[in-house]
C-alpha atoms as a PDB file:
ATOM      1  CA  MET A   1      -0.067   0.152   0.196  1.00  0.00           C
ATOM      2  CA  ALA A   2       1.615   3.242  -1.072  1.00  0.00           C
ATOM      3  CA  LYS A   3       1.982   5.602   1.880  1.00  0.00           C
ATOM      4  CA  VAL A   4       1.401   9.173   1.777  1.00  0.00           C
ATOM      5  CA  TYR A   5       2.023  12.441   3.992  1.00  0.00           C
ATOM      6  CA  VAL A   6       0.266  15.422   2.872  1.00  0.00           C
ATOM      7  CA  PHE A   7       1.585  18.671   5.313  1.00  0.00           C
ATOM      8  CA  LEU A   8      -0.879  21.088   6.634  1.00  0.00           C
ATOM      9  CA  ALA A   9      -0.434  24.256   7.111  1.00  0.00           C
ATOM     10  CA  ASN A  10      -2.691  26.758   8.653  1.00  0.00           C
ATOM     11  CA  GLY A  11      -4.043  28.897   5.396  1.00  0.00           C
ATOM     12  CA  PHE A  12      -3.954  25.661   3.189  1.00  0.00           C
ATOM     13  CA  GLU A  13      -6.267  25.915  -0.064  1.00  0.00           C
ATOM     14  CA  ASP A  14      -8.934  23.627   1.370  1.00  0.00           C
ATOM     15  CA  VAL A  15      -9.995  21.235  -1.740  1.00  0.00           C
ATOM     16  CA  GLU A  16      -6.192  21.481  -2.676  1.00  0.00           C
ATOM     17  CA  ALA A  17      -5.516  19.285   0.144  1.00  0.00           C
ATOM     18  CA  LEU A  18      -8.856  17.297   0.606  1.00  0.00           C
ATOM     19  CA  ILE A  19      -9.645  16.329  -3.092  1.00  0.00           C
ATOM     20  CA  PRO A  20      -6.309  14.224  -3.342  1.00  0.00           C
ATOM     21  CA  ILE A  21      -6.788  12.978   0.158  1.00  0.00           C
ATOM     22  CA  ASP A  22     -10.310  11.768  -0.043  1.00  0.00           C
ATOM     23  CA  VAL A  23      -9.206  10.102  -3.729  1.00  0.00           C
ATOM     24  CA  LEU A  24      -6.097   8.829  -2.560  1.00  0.00           C
ATOM     25  CA  ARG A  25      -7.775   7.097   0.537  1.00  0.00           C
ATOM     26  CA  ARG A  26     -10.483   6.230  -1.969  1.00  0.00           C
ATOM     27  CA  GLY A  27      -8.222   4.259  -4.425  1.00  0.00           C
ATOM     28  CA  GLY A  28      -6.089   2.821  -1.536  1.00  0.00           C
ATOM     29  CA  ALA A  29      -3.649   4.651  -0.424  1.00  0.00           C
ATOM     30  CA  ASP A  30      -2.422   5.230   3.022  1.00  0.00           C
ATOM     31  CA  VAL A  31      -2.579   8.736   3.359  1.00  0.00           C
ATOM     32  CA  VAL A  32      -1.619  10.634   6.797  1.00  0.00           C
ATOM     33  CA  THR A  33      -2.241  14.084   7.438  1.00  0.00           C
ATOM     34  CA  VAL A  34       0.154  15.957   9.168  1.00  0.00           C
ATOM     35  CA  SER A  35      -0.261  19.212  11.092  1.00  0.00           C
ATOM     36  CA  ILE A  36       2.880  21.882  10.854  1.00  0.00           C
ATOM     37  CA  VAL A  37       1.078  23.705  13.231  1.00  0.00           C
ATOM     38  CA  GLU A  38       2.912  24.346  16.651  1.00  0.00           C
ATOM     39  CA  ASP A  39       1.413  22.258  19.467  1.00  0.00           C
ATOM     40  CA  SER A  40      -1.694  21.509  18.100  1.00  0.00           C
ATOM     41  CA  GLN A  41      -3.245  18.802  15.885  1.00  0.00           C
ATOM     42  CA  VAL A  42      -5.925  21.540  14.263  1.00  0.00           C
ATOM     43  CA  VAL A  43      -5.438  23.326  11.180  1.00  0.00           C
ATOM     44  CA  GLU A  44      -7.356  25.832  10.055  1.00  0.00           C
ATOM     45  CA  THR A  45      -7.545  26.227   5.934  1.00  0.00           C
ATOM     46  CA  ALA A  46      -7.607  29.738   4.053  1.00  0.00           C
ATOM     47  CA  HIS A  47     -11.273  29.583   4.300  1.00  0.00           C
ATOM     48  CA  GLY A  48     -11.536  29.309   8.114  1.00  0.00           C
ATOM     49  CA  VAL A  49     -12.569  25.671   8.429  1.00  0.00           C
ATOM     50  CA  GLN A  50     -10.621  23.647  11.045  1.00  0.00           C
ATOM     51  CA  ILE A  51      -9.340  20.207   9.979  1.00  0.00           C
ATOM     52  CA  VAL A  52      -7.875  18.031  12.642  1.00  0.00           C
ATOM     53  CA  ALA A  53      -4.608  16.471  11.330  1.00  0.00           C
ATOM     54  CA  ASP A  54      -3.764  12.919  11.539  1.00  0.00           C
ATOM     55  CA  ALA A  55      -0.450  13.476  13.431  1.00  0.00           C
ATOM     56  CA  MET A  56       1.723  16.142  14.541  1.00  0.00           C
ATOM     57  CA  PHE A  57       4.742  16.530  11.981  1.00  0.00           C
ATOM     58  CA  ASP A  58       7.587  15.419  14.767  1.00  0.00           C
ATOM     59  CA  ASP A  59       5.421  12.465  15.099  1.00  0.00           C
ATOM     60  CA  CYS A  60       6.186  10.865  11.729  1.00  0.00           C
ATOM     61  CA  ASP A  61       9.527   9.088  10.256  1.00  0.00           C
ATOM     62  CA  TYR A  62       8.769   9.764   6.097  1.00  0.00           C
ATOM     63  CA  SER A  63      11.512   7.447   5.481  1.00  0.00           C
ATOM     64  CA  ASP A  64       8.635   5.067   3.997  1.00  0.00           C
ATOM     65  CA  ALA A  65       6.737   7.807   2.233  1.00  0.00           C
ATOM     66  CA  ASP A  66       6.106   6.758  -1.322  1.00  0.00           C
ATOM     67  CA  LEU A  67       4.758  10.565  -1.405  1.00  0.00           C
ATOM     68  CA  LEU A  68       5.048  13.752   0.702  1.00  0.00           C
ATOM     69  CA  MET A  69       2.251  15.889  -0.779  1.00  0.00           C
ATOM     70  CA  LEU A  70       1.755  20.310  -0.703  1.00  0.00           C
ATOM     71  CA  PRO A  71      -1.506  21.655  -0.572  1.00  0.00           C
ATOM     72  CA  GLY A  72      -1.172  25.581  -2.235  1.00  0.00           C
ATOM     73  CA  GLY A  73      -3.173  28.332  -0.842  1.00  0.00           C
ATOM     74  CA  MET A  74      -1.785  31.633   0.660  1.00  0.00           C
ATOM     75  CA  PRO A  75      -0.478  32.072   3.877  1.00  0.00           C
ATOM     76  CA  GLY A  76      -0.474  28.045   3.751  1.00  0.00           C
ATOM     77  CA  ALA A  77       2.150  27.628   0.779  1.00  0.00           C
ATOM     78  CA  SER A  78       4.507  30.367   3.167  1.00  0.00           C
ATOM     79  CA  ASN A  79       3.873  28.810   5.910  1.00  0.00           C
ATOM     80  CA  LEU A  80       5.140  25.499   4.761  1.00  0.00           C
ATOM     81  CA  TYR A  81       8.157  27.258   3.388  1.00  0.00           C
ATOM     82  CA  ASP A  82       8.999  28.906   6.907  1.00  0.00           C
ATOM     83  CA  HIS A  83       8.792  25.151   8.374  1.00  0.00           C
ATOM     84  CA  LYS A  84      12.520  23.679   8.167  1.00  0.00           C
ATOM     85  CA  GLY A  85      11.392  20.500   9.079  1.00  0.00           C
ATOM     86  CA  VAL A  86       9.011  20.428   5.846  1.00  0.00           C
ATOM     87  CA  CYS A  87      11.934  21.539   3.868  1.00  0.00           C
ATOM     88  CA  LYS A  88      14.535  18.799   5.263  1.00  0.00           C
ATOM     89  CA  ALA A  89      11.568  16.238   4.386  1.00  0.00           C
ATOM     90  CA  VAL A  90      11.042  17.613   1.056  1.00  0.00           C
ATOM     91  CA  LEU A  91      14.539  17.936  -0.173  1.00  0.00           C
ATOM     92  CA  ALA A  92      15.363  13.982   1.654  1.00  0.00           C
ATOM     93  CA  GLN A  93      12.613  12.656  -0.309  1.00  0.00           C
ATOM     94  CA  PHE A  94      13.230  14.616  -3.472  1.00  0.00           C
ATOM     95  CA  GLN A  95      17.047  13.495  -3.310  1.00  0.00           C
ATOM     96  CA  ALA A  96      16.199   9.818  -2.506  1.00  0.00           C
ATOM     97  CA  GLY A  97      14.573   9.740  -6.346  1.00  0.00           C
ATOM     98  CA  LYS A  98      10.984   9.500  -4.415  1.00  0.00           C
ATOM     99  CA  LYS A  99       7.685  10.896  -5.156  1.00  0.00           C
ATOM    100  CA  VAL A 100       6.575  15.094  -4.294  1.00  0.00           C
ATOM    101  CA  SER A 101       4.341  16.953  -4.983  1.00  0.00           C
ATOM    102  CA  ALA A 102       2.385  20.204  -4.920  1.00  0.00           C
ATOM    103  CA  ILE A 103      -0.147  22.577  -5.954  1.00  0.00           C
ATOM    104  CA  CYS A 104      -1.128  26.143  -6.576  1.00  0.00           C
ATOM    105  CA  ALA A 105       1.277  28.607  -4.770  1.00  0.00           C
ATOM    106  CA  ALA A 106       3.239  25.511  -3.492  1.00  0.00           C
ATOM    107  CA  PRO A 107       5.040  24.630  -6.464  1.00  0.00           C
ATOM    108  CA  ALA A 108       6.713  28.723  -6.903  1.00  0.00           C
ATOM    109  CA  VAL A 109       6.721  28.857  -2.845  1.00  0.00           C
ATOM    110  CA  VAL A 110       8.314  25.716  -1.987  1.00  0.00           C
ATOM    111  CA  LEU A 111       9.548  23.393  -4.466  1.00  0.00           C
ATOM    112  CA  ALA A 112      11.415  26.504  -6.533  1.00  0.00           C
ATOM    113  CA  GLN A 113      12.742  28.096  -3.403  1.00  0.00           C
ATOM    114  CA  LEU A 114      14.342  24.670  -2.710  1.00  0.00           C
ATOM    115  CA  GLY A 115      15.329  24.242  -5.923  1.00  0.00           C
ATOM    116  CA  VAL A 116      13.652  20.803  -6.529  1.00  0.00           C
ATOM    117  CA  LEU A 117      12.014  22.621 -10.264  1.00  0.00           C
ATOM    118  CA  ASP A 118      15.590  23.252 -11.362  1.00  0.00           C
ATOM    119  CA  GLY A 119      15.302  22.469 -14.689  1.00  0.00           C
ATOM    120  CA  LYS A 120      12.313  20.583 -14.804  1.00  0.00           C
ATOM    121  CA  GLN A 121       9.120  21.388 -15.888  1.00  0.00           C
ATOM    122  CA  ALA A 122       6.275  22.172 -13.723  1.00  0.00           C
ATOM    123  CA  THR A 123       3.115  24.365 -12.960  1.00  0.00           C
ATOM    124  CA  CYS A 124       1.283  26.530 -10.602  1.00  0.00           C
ATOM    125  CA  TYR A 125      -1.065  28.891  -9.695  1.00  0.00           C
ATOM    126  CA  PRO A 126      -0.541  32.124 -12.783  1.00  0.00           C
ATOM    127  CA  GLY A 127       0.970  34.681 -11.109  1.00  0.00           C
ATOM    128  CA  PHE A 128       3.764  32.413  -9.211  1.00  0.00           C
ATOM    129  CA  GLU A 129       5.329  31.315 -12.648  1.00  0.00           C
ATOM    130  CA  ARG A 130       7.775  34.285 -12.236  1.00  0.00           C
ATOM    131  CA  MET A 131       9.129  32.432  -8.997  1.00  0.00           C
ATOM    132  CA  LEU A 132       9.766  29.332 -11.335  1.00  0.00           C
ATOM    133  CA  THR A 133      13.133  31.269 -12.623  1.00  0.00           C
ATOM    134  CA  LYS A 134      15.223  27.536 -12.725  1.00  0.00           C
ATOM    135  CA  ALA A 135      12.097  25.778 -13.948  1.00  0.00           C
ATOM    136  CA  HIS A 136      10.027  25.461 -17.268  1.00  0.00           C
ATOM    137  CA  TYR A 137       6.561  26.688 -16.585  1.00  0.00           C
ATOM    138  CA  THR A 138       4.101  25.149 -18.628  1.00  0.00           C
ATOM    139  CA  GLY A 139       0.969  26.611 -17.546  1.00  0.00           C
ATOM    140  CA  ASP A 140      -1.041  23.048 -17.698  1.00  0.00           C
ATOM    141  CA  LEU A 141      -3.973  21.819 -14.997  1.00  0.00           C
ATOM    142  CA  VAL A 142      -1.215  18.625 -14.173  1.00  0.00           C
ATOM    143  CA  THR A 143       2.523  18.369 -14.999  1.00  0.00           C
ATOM    144  CA  VAL A 144       4.710  15.575 -14.035  1.00  0.00           C
ATOM    145  CA  ASP A 145       8.546  15.685 -14.688  1.00  0.00           C
ATOM    146  CA  GLY A 146      10.095  12.857 -13.224  1.00  0.00           C
ATOM    147  CA  ASN A 147       9.498  12.129  -9.549  1.00  0.00           C
ATOM    148  CA  ILE A 148       7.789  15.309  -9.080  1.00  0.00           C
ATOM    149  CA  THR A 149       3.949  16.508  -9.747  1.00  0.00           C
ATOM    150  CA  THR A 150       2.645  20.030  -9.415  1.00  0.00           C
ATOM    151  CA  ALA A 151      -0.714  21.200 -10.296  1.00  0.00           C
ATOM    152  CA  GLU A 152      -2.349  24.611 -11.423  1.00  0.00           C
ATOM    153  CA  GLY A 153      -4.533  25.516  -8.816  1.00  0.00           C
ATOM    154  CA  PRO A 154      -8.397  24.608  -7.197  1.00  0.00           C
ATOM    155  CA  ALA A 155      -9.871  23.130 -10.225  1.00  0.00           C
ATOM    156  CA  ALA A 156      -7.056  21.229 -10.766  1.00  0.00           C
ATOM    157  CA  ALA A 157      -7.340  19.196  -7.818  1.00  0.00           C
ATOM    158  CA  PHE A 158      -9.494  16.437  -8.784  1.00  0.00           C
ATOM    159  CA  PRO A 159      -7.195  15.711 -12.241  1.00  0.00           C
ATOM    160  CA  TYR A 160      -3.966  16.170  -9.709  1.00  0.00           C
ATOM    161  CA  ALA A 161      -5.549  13.676  -7.473  1.00  0.00           C
ATOM    162  CA  TYR A 162      -6.153  11.424 -10.132  1.00  0.00           C
ATOM    163  CA  GLU A 163      -3.042  12.015 -11.725  1.00  0.00           C
ATOM    164  CA  LEU A 164      -1.314  11.114  -8.471  1.00  0.00           C
ATOM    165  CA  LEU A 165      -3.544   8.123  -7.632  1.00  0.00           C
ATOM    166  CA  SER A 166      -2.606   6.841 -10.952  1.00  0.00           C
ATOM    167  CA  GLN A 167       1.479   6.839 -10.198  1.00  0.00           C
ATOM    168  CA  LEU A 168       0.986   5.390  -6.696  1.00  0.00           C
ATOM    169  CA  VAL A 169      -1.708   2.361  -7.513  1.00  0.00           C
ATOM    170  CA  SER A 170      -2.515   2.109 -10.917  1.00  0.00           C
ATOM    171  CA  LYS A 171      -4.099   4.200 -14.188  1.00  0.00           C
ATOM    172  CA  GLU A 172      -7.025   1.361 -13.851  1.00  0.00           C
ATOM    173  CA  VAL A 173      -8.143   1.939 -10.262  1.00  0.00           C
ATOM    174  CA  SER A 174      -7.736   5.920 -10.727  1.00  0.00           C
ATOM    175  CA  ASP A 175     -10.053   5.519 -13.880  1.00  0.00           C
ATOM    176  CA  GLN A 176     -12.604   3.290 -11.810  1.00  0.00           C
ATOM    177  CA  ILE A 177     -12.511   6.465  -9.053  1.00  0.00           C
ATOM    178  CA  ALA A 178     -12.858   8.882 -11.229  1.00  0.00           C
ATOM    179  CA  GLU A 179     -15.734   6.975 -12.937  1.00  0.00           C
ATOM    180  CA  GLY A 180     -17.700   6.435  -9.901  1.00  0.00           C
ATOM    181  CA  MET A 181     -16.833  10.081  -8.437  1.00  0.00           C
ATOM    182  CA  ARG A 182     -18.397  10.758 -12.072  1.00  0.00           C
ATOM    183  CA  PHE A 183     -15.442  13.012 -13.132  1.00  0.00           C
ATOM    184  CA  LYS A 184     -15.283  11.362 -16.511  1.00  0.00           C
ATOM    185  CA  HIS A 185     -18.863  11.906 -17.221  1.00  0.00           C
ATOM    186  CA  LEU A 186     -17.922  15.739 -16.162  1.00  0.00           C
ATOM    187  CA  MET A 187     -15.265  15.809 -18.603  1.00  0.00           C
ATOM    188  CA  GLU A 188     -17.666  14.240 -21.311  1.00  0.00           C
ATOM    189  CA  LYS A 189     -20.188  16.968 -21.238  1.00  0.00           C
END
């Protein structure tokens, strides 16, 4: 079973975390939501929704991660980048050749500033592409370059989630989940 850690910081974009969490869990991935808020498992989204994370940052060992996932939103993405532990975990994951993903502002605010996107193709929320100075901005909903998957913003949350599920479980399972959630039907209209 694929192991996924999703880092949650105050101010994260609700759907950019919750849709991928939902889709990945439906597809059989072991998803652990991780609060990076000091002394609290409760994390507040960009829209004031309070989420109780599964674990605290310091209580996890990320060496078993198949994927580290970074939701976007502001100031959520900045809060992720300001957390030294998140930055260290993301760099270790990337340097080990393992999967890292980010959506919306997080590809630019976190991954680009860490050098993870240097020479890679990537996408992010429009306006943040100016921070992708050493990456090749695609402007696509979802961009995969090796072990890095990036996505544009809230509307990309479903395609992003299905792409990650395809990578972690299988395309067949991803397609089944997408069909069951009526995503394929929506895209045919």
